[in-house]
Protein backbone atom coordinates (compact mmCIF):
# COMPACT_ATOMS: atom_id res chain seq x y z
CA UNK A 1 30.36 -3.87 -1.02
CA UNK A 2 30.63 -4.99 -4.35
CA UNK A 3 34.10 -6.73 -3.56
CA UNK A 4 31.82 -8.67 -0.75
CA UNK A 5 29.41 -10.18 -3.30
CA UNK A 6 32.50 -10.51 -5.58
CA UNK A 7 34.82 -12.30 -2.69
CA UNK A 8 30.72 -14.74 -1.95
CA UNK A 9 30.16 -15.31 -5.08
CA UNK A 10 34.25 -17.03 -5.35
CA UNK A 11 33.82 -19.06 -2.54
CA UNK A 12 30.38 -20.11 -3.56
CA UNK A 13 31.77 -22.06 -6.79
CA UNK A 14 34.67 -23.27 -4.87
CA UNK A 15 32.80 -24.40 -2.22
CA UNK A 16 29.34 -25.73 -4.92
CA UNK A 17 30.79 -25.78 -8.03
CA UNK A 18 29.61 -23.56 -10.81
CA UNK A 19 26.01 -25.35 -11.62
CA UNK A 20 25.40 -25.41 -7.92
CA UNK A 21 26.06 -21.28 -7.65
CA UNK A 22 24.08 -20.83 -10.43
CA UNK A 23 20.89 -22.73 -8.64
CA UNK A 24 21.04 -20.79 -5.97
CA UNK A 25 21.61 -17.38 -7.50
CA UNK A 26 18.55 -18.01 -10.13
CA UNK A 27 16.38 -19.41 -6.94
CA UNK A 28 17.05 -16.77 -4.95
CA UNK A 29 16.03 -14.66 -7.97
CA UNK A 30 12.83 -16.63 -8.42
CA UNK A 31 11.99 -15.95 -4.42
CA UNK A 32 12.34 -12.06 -4.95
CA UNK A 33 10.01 -12.40 -8.53
CA UNK A 34 7.64 -14.55 -6.53
CA UNK A 35 7.25 -12.10 -3.66
CA UNK A 36 7.06 -9.09 -5.71
CA UNK A 37 3.58 -11.16 -8.00
CA UNK A 38 2.22 -12.07 -4.22
CA UNK A 39 2.79 -8.39 -3.18
CA UNK A 40 1.56 -7.05 -6.58
CA UNK A 41 -1.79 -9.72 -5.89
CA UNK A 42 -2.31 -9.02 -2.54
CA UNK A 43 -2.09 -5.15 -3.86
CA UNK A 44 -4.90 -5.79 -6.19
CA UNK A 45 -7.17 -7.66 -4.13
CA UNK A 46 -7.26 -4.99 -1.50
CA UNK A 47 -8.05 -2.97 -3.79
CA UNK A 48 -11.01 -4.23 -5.47
CA UNK A 49 -11.78 -4.83 -1.93
CA UNK A 50 -11.78 -1.51 -0.78
CA UNK A 51 -13.39 -0.45 -4.49
CA UNK A 52 -16.89 -2.74 -3.74
CA UNK A 53 -17.26 -1.46 -0.59
CA UNK A 54 -16.75 2.19 -1.63
CA UNK A 55 -19.18 1.54 -4.30
CA UNK A 56 -21.84 -0.38 -2.17
CA UNK A 57 -21.98 2.89 0.10
CA UNK A 58 -22.58 5.50 -2.11
């Protein structure tokens, strides 16, 4: 599997150039980070919702 990643990076650098490849990699990492943050925010909102709902019933 790692050899495929290396080959993919070589092909991307050959096709788009170094800076284009770097932008693509950083963009992909940025999207993953934002997805994790969105998931954490959703979990926090759901936790708060259920916490408030449980306090009202008690």
